[in-house]
Amino acid sequence: MIMSRGLSKSLANASVSLKLAIGFGLVLLMTLMISATGWFSNQALIDRGDRVTAIAQVNELTLQLRINRMSYEALYNAEAAAQVRSTLDQLDAALQSARNLLRSPENLQLLDAQTQATRDYRQSFEDMSKAIETREASRSQMGENADKAVDQADRIEAELLKADNILAFNGIVGVSKLIQQARFQVRGYTYSGRPDFEKDANKAIDDAVTGINTLAGDISSDYSPMLQQAIAGLNGYRAAVGKYRDAQAGLQGRAGKNDHTGRQHARHQQRPDHPAEQEP
């Protein structure tokens, strides 16, 4: 009370200039305080907006990754694979950017889990890509070996026809039909991927080999080298079918792993405690 009276008396005795200076100073101080409060509030909003944007980008890239992977599984070409790898690189960068913006230990833990899931996804995708390359290479081997067997059968047909050996000619025509049947069965298996079709494909190849061995006892030994090359082609054909089977089995396992990792990404996206919303 005494202090208040003293202050009032001092102000009453002060000059007008001093009073104006004190008043202006108080107004300036209040203005600075309001400006500082507004600046900090705006900065908080900007930081929050940056966090929301960073998380939104992570979610968008995660969705794009799934789309690109499905495109790759449909096309199986180098361009589609490059798109998946590019999206993974962008997702890694987006996760690191989000981690630099977030501070909550719980949110950082969620981001670390998604970063690890992305690493696992990349590894499983590379494994899947190698399995696909092996499978597609086995397709090429199938075609080369089947063509080899067909080519030898065609050469024998042409020579027997020139020799006017109708009985032997009919025999090699029968063998050619068995080879074509084997190709038909193998194509049915590779396009369907069904294990029971593989048995039919292998049986058809074995029937063609048996047909060649039977024919070998009915025609001149002069044709033996060509018959042996045809058998070698069919044996290579059968081996390529086995490689295709092994690659397909490995591919299915790796595709399942990718699906599991993709679901992990989706769970991180759909958590109700959205990282950006939990930051102070």
Protein backbone atom coordinates (compact mmCIF):
# COMPACT_ATOMS: atom_id res chain seq x y z
CA MET A 1 0.00 0.00 0.00
CA ILE A 2 2.77 2.39 1.00
CA MET A 3 4.73 1.34 -2.14
CA SER A 4 1.67 1.99 -4.32
CA ARG A 5 1.25 5.46 -2.80
CA GLY A 6 4.93 6.19 -3.33
CA LEU A 7 4.73 5.11 -6.95
CA SER A 8 1.62 7.21 -7.51
CA LYS A 9 3.31 10.23 -5.94
CA SER A 10 6.42 9.71 -8.05
CA LEU A 11 4.37 9.48 -11.22
CA ALA A 12 2.41 12.59 -10.20
CA ASN A 13 5.63 14.53 -9.76
CA ALA A 14 7.13 13.18 -13.02
CA SER A 15 7.27 15.31 -16.10
CA VAL A 16 4.95 14.79 -19.00
CA SER A 17 7.81 13.60 -21.17
CA LEU A 18 8.75 10.91 -18.65
CA LYS A 19 5.17 9.77 -18.37
CA LEU A 20 4.92 9.48 -22.15
CA ALA A 21 8.20 7.60 -22.28
CA ILE A 22 7.07 5.16 -19.60
CA GLY A 23 3.72 4.64 -21.34
CA PHE A 24 5.37 4.11 -24.71
CA GLY A 25 7.80 1.67 -23.15
CA LEU A 26 4.98 -0.35 -21.60
CA VAL A 27 3.10 -0.44 -24.90
CA LEU A 28 6.27 -1.52 -26.72
CA LEU A 29 6.92 -4.26 -24.15
CA MET A 30 3.38 -5.60 -24.48
CA THR A 31 3.69 -5.50 -28.27
CA LEU A 32 6.92 -7.47 -28.12
CA MET A 33 5.36 -10.03 -25.78
CA ILE A 34 2.33 -10.46 -28.06
CA SER A 35 4.61 -10.74 -31.12
CA ALA A 36 6.80 -13.34 -29.41
CA THR A 37 3.75 -15.35 -28.37
CA GLY A 38 2.39 -15.22 -31.90
CA TRP A 39 5.75 -16.18 -33.41
CA PHE A 40 6.13 -19.20 -31.16
CA SER A 41 2.54 -20.24 -31.89
CA ASN A 42 3.10 -19.93 -35.64
CA GLN A 43 6.35 -21.86 -35.39
CA ALA A 44 4.54 -24.62 -33.51
CA LEU A 45 1.90 -24.77 -36.23
CA ILE A 46 4.59 -24.86 -38.92
CA ASP A 47 6.42 -27.66 -37.12
CA ARG A 48 3.20 -29.61 -36.74
CA GLY A 49 2.39 -29.08 -40.40
CA ASP A 50 5.85 -30.34 -41.37
CA ARG A 51 5.34 -33.46 -39.26
CA VAL A 52 1.91 -34.15 -40.74
CA THR A 53 3.31 -33.65 -44.26
CA ALA A 54 6.24 -35.98 -43.57
CA ILE A 55 3.98 -38.76 -42.26
CA ALA A 56 1.55 -38.26 -45.16
CA GLN A 57 4.45 -38.70 -47.58
CA VAL A 58 5.49 -41.91 -45.84
CA ASN A 59 1.94 -43.24 -46.15
CA GLU A 60 1.71 -42.24 -49.80
CA LEU A 61 5.03 -43.89 -50.67
CA THR A 62 4.05 -47.04 -48.79
CA LEU A 63 0.90 -47.29 -50.88
CA GLN A 64 2.86 -46.58 -54.06
CA LEU A 65 5.32 -49.32 -53.12
CA ARG A 66 2.53 -51.88 -52.96
CA ILE A 67 1.17 -50.72 -56.33
CA ASN A 68 4.61 -50.91 -57.97
CA ARG A 69 5.26 -54.35 -56.53
CA MET A 70 1.96 -55.67 -57.91
CA SER A 71 2.86 -54.14 -61.27
CA TYR A 72 6.22 -55.92 -61.16
CA GLU A 73 4.58 -59.25 -60.35
CA ALA A 74 2.33 -58.76 -63.38
CA LEU A 75 5.04 -57.65 -65.83
CA TYR A 76 8.28 -59.14 -64.48
CA ASN A 77 10.47 -56.69 -66.38
CA ALA A 78 13.48 -54.55 -65.50
CA GLU A 79 11.53 -51.28 -65.71
CA ALA A 80 8.93 -52.41 -63.16
CA ALA A 81 11.71 -53.67 -60.85
CA ALA A 82 13.48 -50.30 -61.11
CA GLN A 83 10.26 -48.53 -60.09
CA VAL A 84 10.01 -50.68 -56.96
CA ARG A 85 13.63 -49.95 -56.02
CA SER A 86 13.17 -46.22 -56.68
CA THR A 87 10.09 -46.12 -54.44
CA LEU A 88 11.99 -47.97 -51.71
CA ASP A 89 14.77 -45.37 -51.91
CA GLN A 90 12.23 -42.55 -51.65
CA LEU A 91 10.53 -44.27 -48.72
CA ASP A 92 13.84 -44.63 -46.89
CA ALA A 93 14.49 -40.90 -47.35
CA ALA A 94 10.95 -40.00 -46.23
CA LEU A 95 11.27 -42.13 -43.08
CA GLN A 96 14.58 -40.48 -42.21
CA SER A 97 13.06 -37.04 -42.79
CA ALA A 98 10.10 -37.89 -40.56
CA ARG A 99 12.43 -39.19 -37.87
CA ASN A 100 14.31 -35.88 -37.85
CA LEU A 101 11.04 -34.02 -37.24
CA LEU A 102 9.49 -36.23 -34.55
CA ARG A 103 10.63 -36.21 -30.94
CA SER A 104 8.28 -38.46 -28.99
CA PRO A 105 10.03 -41.75 -28.02
CA GLU A 106 6.89 -43.72 -28.86
CA ASN A 107 6.64 -42.16 -32.31
CA LEU A 108 10.34 -42.69 -32.96
CA GLN A 109 9.89 -46.33 -32.03
CA LEU A 110 7.06 -46.64 -34.55
CA LEU A 111 9.19 -45.06 -37.27
CA ASP A 112 12.12 -47.32 -36.42
CA ALA A 113 9.82 -50.34 -36.76
CA GLN A 114 8.64 -49.16 -40.16
CA THR A 115 12.22 -48.45 -41.23
CA GLN A 116 13.16 -52.03 -40.33
CA ALA A 117 10.10 -53.31 -42.17
CA THR A 118 11.27 -51.38 -45.23
CA ARG A 119 14.72 -52.97 -45.01
CA ASP A 120 13.12 -56.43 -44.76
CA TYR A 121 10.88 -55.57 -47.71
CA ARG A 122 13.87 -54.54 -49.81
CA GLN A 123 15.74 -57.76 -49.01
CA SER A 124 12.74 -59.98 -49.72
CA PHE A 125 12.10 -58.10 -52.98
CA GLU A 126 15.68 -58.65 -54.11
CA ASP A 127 15.35 -62.34 -53.25
CA MET A 128 12.09 -62.48 -55.17
CA SER A 129 13.67 -60.74 -58.17
CA LYS A 130 16.47 -63.30 -58.26
CA ALA A 131 13.95 -66.13 -58.07
CA ILE A 132 12.01 -64.61 -60.97
CA GLU A 133 15.21 -64.23 -63.00
CA THR A 134 16.01 -67.89 -62.36
CA ARG A 135 12.51 -68.93 -63.31
CA GLU A 136 12.51 -66.91 -66.52
CA ALA A 137 15.97 -68.25 -67.40
CA SER A 138 14.60 -71.77 -66.99
CA ARG A 139 11.86 -70.86 -69.49
CA SER A 140 14.52 -69.95 -72.03
CA GLN A 141 16.35 -73.21 -71.33
CA MET A 142 13.13 -75.13 -71.87
CA GLY A 143 12.64 -73.51 -75.26
CA GLU A 144 16.24 -74.07 -76.36
CA ASN A 145 16.29 -77.73 -75.39
CA ALA A 146 12.87 -78.45 -76.87
CA ASP A 147 13.92 -76.75 -80.12
CA LYS A 148 17.05 -78.90 -80.13
CA ALA A 149 15.00 -82.10 -79.89
CA VAL A 150 12.54 -80.91 -82.55
CA ASP A 151 15.35 -79.88 -84.89
CA GLN A 152 16.98 -83.33 -84.73
CA ALA A 153 13.64 -85.05 -85.29
CA ASP A 154 12.96 -82.83 -88.32
CA ARG A 155 16.38 -83.65 -89.81
CA ILE A 156 15.76 -87.38 -89.41
CA GLU A 157 12.29 -87.01 -90.96
CA ALA A 158 13.74 -85.26 -93.99
CA GLU A 159 16.44 -87.90 -94.53
CA LEU A 160 14.05 -90.84 -94.10
CA LEU A 161 11.65 -89.25 -96.52
CA LYS A 162 14.42 -88.95 -99.09
CA ALA A 163 15.36 -92.60 -98.47
CA ASP A 164 11.73 -93.58 -99.08
CA ASN A 165 11.71 -95.53 -95.82
CA ILE A 166 8.02 -95.12 -95.03
CA LEU A 167 7.96 -97.39 -91.97
CA ALA A 168 10.86 -95.57 -90.30
CA PHE A 169 9.42 -92.24 -91.43
CA ASN A 170 6.14 -93.03 -89.69
CA GLY A 171 8.14 -93.89 -86.58
CA ILE A 172 9.95 -90.53 -86.45
CA VAL A 173 6.65 -88.74 -87.14
CA GLY A 174 5.27 -90.49 -84.07
CA VAL A 175 8.29 -89.33 -82.06
CA SER A 176 7.76 -85.76 -83.27
CA LYS A 177 4.18 -85.92 -82.06
CA LEU A 178 5.39 -87.12 -78.64
CA ILE A 179 7.83 -84.19 -78.46
CA GLN A 180 5.06 -81.75 -79.37
CA GLN A 181 2.83 -83.32 -76.73
CA ALA A 182 5.62 -82.87 -74.19
CA ARG A 183 5.88 -79.18 -75.11
CA PHE A 184 2.14 -78.80 -74.77
CA GLN A 185 2.14 -80.37 -71.30
CA VAL A 186 5.11 -78.27 -70.16
CA ARG A 187 3.46 -75.07 -71.32
CA GLY A 188 0.32 -76.04 -69.46
CA TYR A 189 2.39 -76.50 -66.32
CA THR A 190 4.40 -73.28 -66.61
CA TYR A 191 1.34 -71.16 -67.31
CA SER A 192 -0.71 -72.68 -64.48
CA GLY A 193 2.02 -73.42 -61.94
CA ARG A 194 0.00 -76.38 -60.65
CA PRO A 195 2.16 -79.19 -59.19
CA ASP A 196 -0.07 -81.92 -60.65
CA PHE A 197 0.56 -80.49 -64.13
CA GLU A 198 4.30 -80.91 -63.56
CA LYS A 199 3.80 -84.66 -63.26
CA ASP A 200 2.00 -84.71 -66.61
CA ALA A 201 4.77 -82.64 -68.20
CA ASN A 202 7.54 -84.93 -66.96
CA LYS A 203 5.61 -88.03 -68.04
CA ALA A 204 5.18 -86.58 -71.53
CA ILE A 205 8.94 -85.90 -71.76
CA ASP A 206 9.70 -89.44 -70.60
CA ASP A 207 7.29 -90.81 -73.21
CA ALA A 208 9.14 -88.86 -75.91
CA VAL A 209 12.50 -90.23 -74.73
CA THR A 210 11.06 -93.76 -74.73
CA GLY A 211 9.76 -93.21 -78.24
CA ILE A 212 13.21 -92.16 -79.44
CA ASN A 213 14.87 -95.19 -77.82
CA THR A 214 12.31 -97.48 -79.43
CA LEU A 215 12.86 -95.86 -82.82
CA ALA A 216 16.62 -96.28 -82.46
CA GLY A 217 16.18 -100.06 -82.70
CA ASP A 218 14.12 -99.78 -85.86
CA ILE A 219 16.27 -97.52 -88.04
CA SER A 220 19.86 -97.43 -89.23
CA SER A 221 22.59 -96.68 -86.73
CA ASP A 222 23.57 -93.80 -88.98
CA TYR A 223 20.83 -91.82 -87.29
CA SER A 224 22.05 -92.63 -83.77
CA PRO A 225 24.03 -89.36 -83.28
CA MET A 226 20.96 -87.28 -84.13
CA LEU A 227 18.76 -89.43 -81.93
CA GLN A 228 21.20 -89.02 -79.05
CA GLN A 229 21.18 -85.25 -79.52
CA ALA A 230 17.38 -85.31 -79.45
CA ILE A 231 17.48 -87.29 -76.20
CA ALA A 232 20.02 -84.82 -74.77
CA GLY A 233 17.65 -82.00 -75.67
CA LEU A 234 14.76 -83.72 -73.91
CA ASN A 235 16.88 -84.43 -70.83
CA GLY A 236 17.83 -80.76 -70.73
CA TYR A 237 14.16 -79.94 -71.17
CA ARG A 238 13.29 -82.05 -68.14
CA ALA A 239 16.06 -80.46 -66.06
CA ALA A 240 14.81 -76.99 -67.00
CA VAL A 241 11.31 -77.98 -65.82
CA GLY A 242 12.85 -78.93 -62.47
CA LYS A 243 14.62 -75.56 -62.22
CA TYR A 244 11.36 -73.82 -63.01
CA ARG A 245 9.61 -75.79 -60.27
CA ASP A 246 12.26 -74.92 -57.66
CA ALA A 247 12.29 -71.24 -58.64
CA GLN A 248 8.49 -71.07 -58.54
CA ALA A 249 8.40 -72.64 -55.08
CA GLY A 250 10.99 -70.17 -53.81
CA LEU A 251 9.14 -67.30 -55.44
CA GLN A 252 5.88 -68.16 -53.72
CA GLY A 253 7.61 -68.18 -50.33
CA ARG A 254 9.29 -64.82 -50.95
CA ALA A 255 6.09 -63.29 -52.30
CA GLY A 256 4.38 -64.36 -49.08
CA LYS A 257 7.12 -62.68 -47.08
CA ASN A 258 6.64 -59.49 -49.08
CA ASP A 259 2.91 -59.61 -48.39
CA HIS A 260 3.62 -59.98 -44.66
CA THR A 261 5.99 -57.01 -44.72
CA GLY A 262 3.44 -55.01 -46.68
CA ARG A 263 0.85 -55.70 -44.00
CA GLN A 264 3.32 -54.47 -41.40
CA HIS A 265 3.57 -51.19 -43.31
CA ALA A 266 -0.20 -50.98 -43.46
CA ARG A 267 -0.55 -51.53 -39.70
CA HIS A 268 1.86 -48.67 -39.01
CA GLN A 269 -0.19 -46.46 -41.31
CA GLN A 270 -3.52 -47.32 -39.71
CA ARG A 271 -2.56 -46.91 -36.04
CA PRO A 272 -4.98 -44.55 -34.28
CA ASP A 273 -2.17 -42.83 -32.43
CA HIS A 274 -0.88 -41.14 -35.57
CA PRO A 275 2.72 -40.02 -34.90
CA ALA A 276 2.21 -36.43 -35.97
CA GLU A 277 -0.87 -36.12 -33.78
CA GLN A 278 0.98 -37.19 -30.66
CA GLU A 279 3.84 -34.71 -30.92
CA PRO A 280 3.78 -31.74 -28.55
